Amino acid sequence: MSDIQNGMALLITAFHKYSGKGKDKTALGKRELKDLLTAELGDMFAETKDQAALDKIFKDLDVNADGVVDFQEYITLIALVTMLCNDKVY
């Protein structure tokens, strides 16, 4: 696999590692999102220990307001964080 394909596979695997522990097997609930942010992006999302900050992140990601963060909404988060990282590097 190319580096990009490998990266895509890792993003998919990370999503499914945390999704499915709640009611919806294809999405992240608040607790699952917190677990993902803490374990996978802990250095960037240190404030996820703050429930109000987590609620805001969740609300901002849950574009369709269905109470979960689906894969498309998760990828939006990843894209935004990646763009912020790119801005800091270049």
C-alpha atoms as a PDB file:
ATOM      1  CA  MET A   1       0.000   0.000   0.000  1.00  0.00           C
ATOM      2  CA  SER A   2       1.066   3.563  -0.592  1.00  0.00           C
ATOM      3  CA  ASP A   3       1.604   5.922   2.343  1.00  0.00           C
ATOM      4  CA  ILE A   4      -1.760   7.597   1.671  1.00  0.00           C
ATOM      5  CA  GLN A   5      -3.592   4.272   1.452  1.00  0.00           C
ATOM      6  CA  ASN A   6      -1.932   3.165   4.677  1.00  0.00           C
ATOM      7  CA  GLY A   7      -2.971   6.423   6.341  1.00  0.00           C
ATOM      8  CA  MET A   8      -6.557   5.963   5.176  1.00  0.00           C
ATOM      9  CA  ALA A   9      -6.605   2.406   6.513  1.00  0.00           C
ATOM     10  CA  LEU A  10      -5.307   3.632   9.880  1.00  0.00           C
ATOM     11  CA  LEU A  11      -8.016   6.316  10.086  1.00  0.00           C
ATOM     12  CA  ILE A  12     -10.727   3.781   9.284  1.00  0.00           C
ATOM     13  CA  THR A  13      -9.338   1.295  11.804  1.00  0.00           C
ATOM     14  CA  ALA A  14      -9.132   3.950  14.530  1.00  0.00           C
ATOM     15  CA  PHE A  15     -12.779   4.960  13.961  1.00  0.00           C
ATOM     16  CA  HIS A  16     -14.030   1.383  14.196  1.00  0.00           C
ATOM     17  CA  LYS A  17     -11.870   0.688  17.237  1.00  0.00           C
ATOM     18  CA  TYR A  18     -14.016   3.172  19.202  1.00  0.00           C
ATOM     19  CA  SER A  19     -17.369   3.046  17.391  1.00  0.00           C
ATOM     20  CA  GLY A  20     -19.922   0.411  18.140  1.00  0.00           C
ATOM     21  CA  LYS A  21     -19.554   0.313  21.891  1.00  0.00           C
ATOM     22  CA  GLY A  22     -22.840   2.188  22.291  1.00  0.00           C
ATOM     23  CA  LYS A  23     -26.212   1.809  20.620  1.00  0.00           C
ATOM     24  CA  ASP A  24     -25.058   2.697  17.112  1.00  0.00           C
ATOM     25  CA  LYS A  25     -22.380   0.335  15.822  1.00  0.00           C
ATOM     26  CA  THR A  26     -21.401   2.706  12.986  1.00  0.00           C
ATOM     27  CA  ALA A  27     -20.963   5.924  14.961  1.00  0.00           C
ATOM     28  CA  LEU A  28     -19.341   7.459  18.006  1.00  0.00           C
ATOM     29  CA  GLY A  29     -21.351   8.493  21.033  1.00  0.00           C
ATOM     30  CA  LYS A  30     -19.999  11.164  23.386  1.00  0.00           C
ATOM     31  CA  ARG A  31     -18.104   8.659  25.530  1.00  0.00           C
ATOM     32  CA  GLU A  32     -16.627   6.910  22.496  1.00  0.00           C
ATOM     33  CA  LEU A  33     -15.553  10.242  20.996  1.00  0.00           C
ATOM     34  CA  LYS A  34     -13.901  11.213  24.270  1.00  0.00           C
ATOM     35  CA  ASP A  35     -12.069   7.876  24.378  1.00  0.00           C
ATOM     36  CA  LEU A  36     -10.878   8.330  20.776  1.00  0.00           C
ATOM     37  CA  LEU A  37      -9.739  11.931  21.324  1.00  0.00           C
ATOM     38  CA  THR A  38      -7.953  11.082  24.547  1.00  0.00           C
ATOM     39  CA  ALA A  39      -6.207   7.933  23.301  1.00  0.00           C
ATOM     40  CA  GLU A  40      -5.468   8.898  19.713  1.00  0.00           C
ATOM     41  CA  LEU A  41      -5.097  12.700  19.862  1.00  0.00           C
ATOM     42  CA  GLY A  42      -4.460  13.277  23.551  1.00  0.00           C
ATOM     43  CA  ASP A  43      -1.688  15.813  23.082  1.00  0.00           C
ATOM     44  CA  MET A  44      -3.954  17.931  20.845  1.00  0.00           C
ATOM     45  CA  PHE A  45      -7.151  17.487  22.839  1.00  0.00           C
ATOM     46  CA  ALA A  46      -5.969  17.733  26.417  1.00  0.00           C
ATOM     47  CA  GLU A  47      -9.082  19.742  27.283  1.00  0.00           C
ATOM     48  CA  THR A  48     -11.294  16.725  26.571  1.00  0.00           C
ATOM     49  CA  LYS A  49     -11.165  16.134  30.319  1.00  0.00           C
ATOM     50  CA  ASP A  50     -13.427  19.187  30.536  1.00  0.00           C
ATOM     51  CA  GLN A  51     -17.002  18.004  29.931  1.00  0.00           C
ATOM     52  CA  ALA A  52     -18.107  21.396  28.571  1.00  0.00           C
ATOM     53  CA  ALA A  53     -15.291  21.362  26.020  1.00  0.00           C
ATOM     54  CA  LEU A  54     -16.165  17.807  25.009  1.00  0.00           C
ATOM     55  CA  ASP A  55     -19.840  18.742  24.642  1.00  0.00           C
ATOM     56  CA  LYS A  56     -18.890  21.646  22.360  1.00  0.00           C
ATOM     57  CA  ILE A  57     -16.611  19.487  20.212  1.00  0.00           C
ATOM     58  CA  PHE A  58     -19.339  16.849  19.955  1.00  0.00           C
ATOM     59  CA  LYS A  59     -22.034  19.398  19.074  1.00  0.00           C
ATOM     60  CA  ASP A  60     -19.837  21.020  16.435  1.00  0.00           C
ATOM     61  CA  LEU A  61     -19.050  17.642  14.860  1.00  0.00           C
ATOM     62  CA  ASP A  62     -22.614  16.305  14.963  1.00  0.00           C
ATOM     63  CA  VAL A  63     -23.675  18.365  11.938  1.00  0.00           C
ATOM     64  CA  ASN A  64     -26.939  16.498  11.361  1.00  0.00           C
ATOM     65  CA  ALA A  65     -27.784  16.634  15.104  1.00  0.00           C
ATOM     66  CA  ASP A  66     -28.587  12.916  15.327  1.00  0.00           C
ATOM     67  CA  GLY A  67     -26.768  12.509  18.641  1.00  0.00           C
ATOM     68  CA  VAL A  68     -23.763  10.603  17.299  1.00  0.00           C
ATOM     69  CA  VAL A  69     -20.636  11.341  15.270  1.00  0.00           C
ATOM     70  CA  ASP A  70     -20.753   9.230  12.133  1.00  0.00           C
ATOM     71  CA  PHE A  71     -17.800   8.385   9.911  1.00  0.00           C
ATOM     72  CA  GLN A  72     -18.239  11.435   7.668  1.00  0.00           C
ATOM     73  CA  GLU A  73     -18.337  13.756  10.689  1.00  0.00           C
ATOM     74  CA  TYR A  74     -15.255  12.011  12.112  1.00  0.00           C
ATOM     75  CA  ILE A  75     -13.386  12.506   8.843  1.00  0.00           C
ATOM     76  CA  THR A  76     -14.296  16.197   8.984  1.00  0.00           C
ATOM     77  CA  LEU A  77     -12.601  16.364  12.394  1.00  0.00           C
ATOM     78  CA  ILE A  78      -9.525  14.577  11.052  1.00  0.00           C
ATOM     79  CA  ALA A  79      -9.356  16.905   8.034  1.00  0.00           C
ATOM     80  CA  LEU A  80      -9.613  20.026  10.193  1.00  0.00           C
ATOM     81  CA  VAL A  81      -6.980  18.841  12.662  1.00  0.00           C
ATOM     82  CA  THR A  82      -4.696  17.863   9.764  1.00  0.00           C
ATOM     83  CA  MET A  83      -5.084  21.330   8.221  1.00  0.00           C
ATOM     84  CA  LEU A  84      -4.223  22.957  11.561  1.00  0.00           C
ATOM     85  CA  CYS A  85      -1.124  20.775  11.845  1.00  0.00           C
ATOM     86  CA  ASN A  86      -0.118  21.654   8.299  1.00  0.00           C
ATOM     87  CA  ASP A  87      -0.484  25.372   9.053  1.00  0.00           C
ATOM     88  CA  LYS A  88       1.887  24.999  12.025  1.00  0.00           C
ATOM     89  CA  VAL A  89       4.473  23.093   9.990  1.00  0.00           C
ATOM     90  CA  TYR A  90       4.469  25.217   6.851  1.00  0.00           C
END
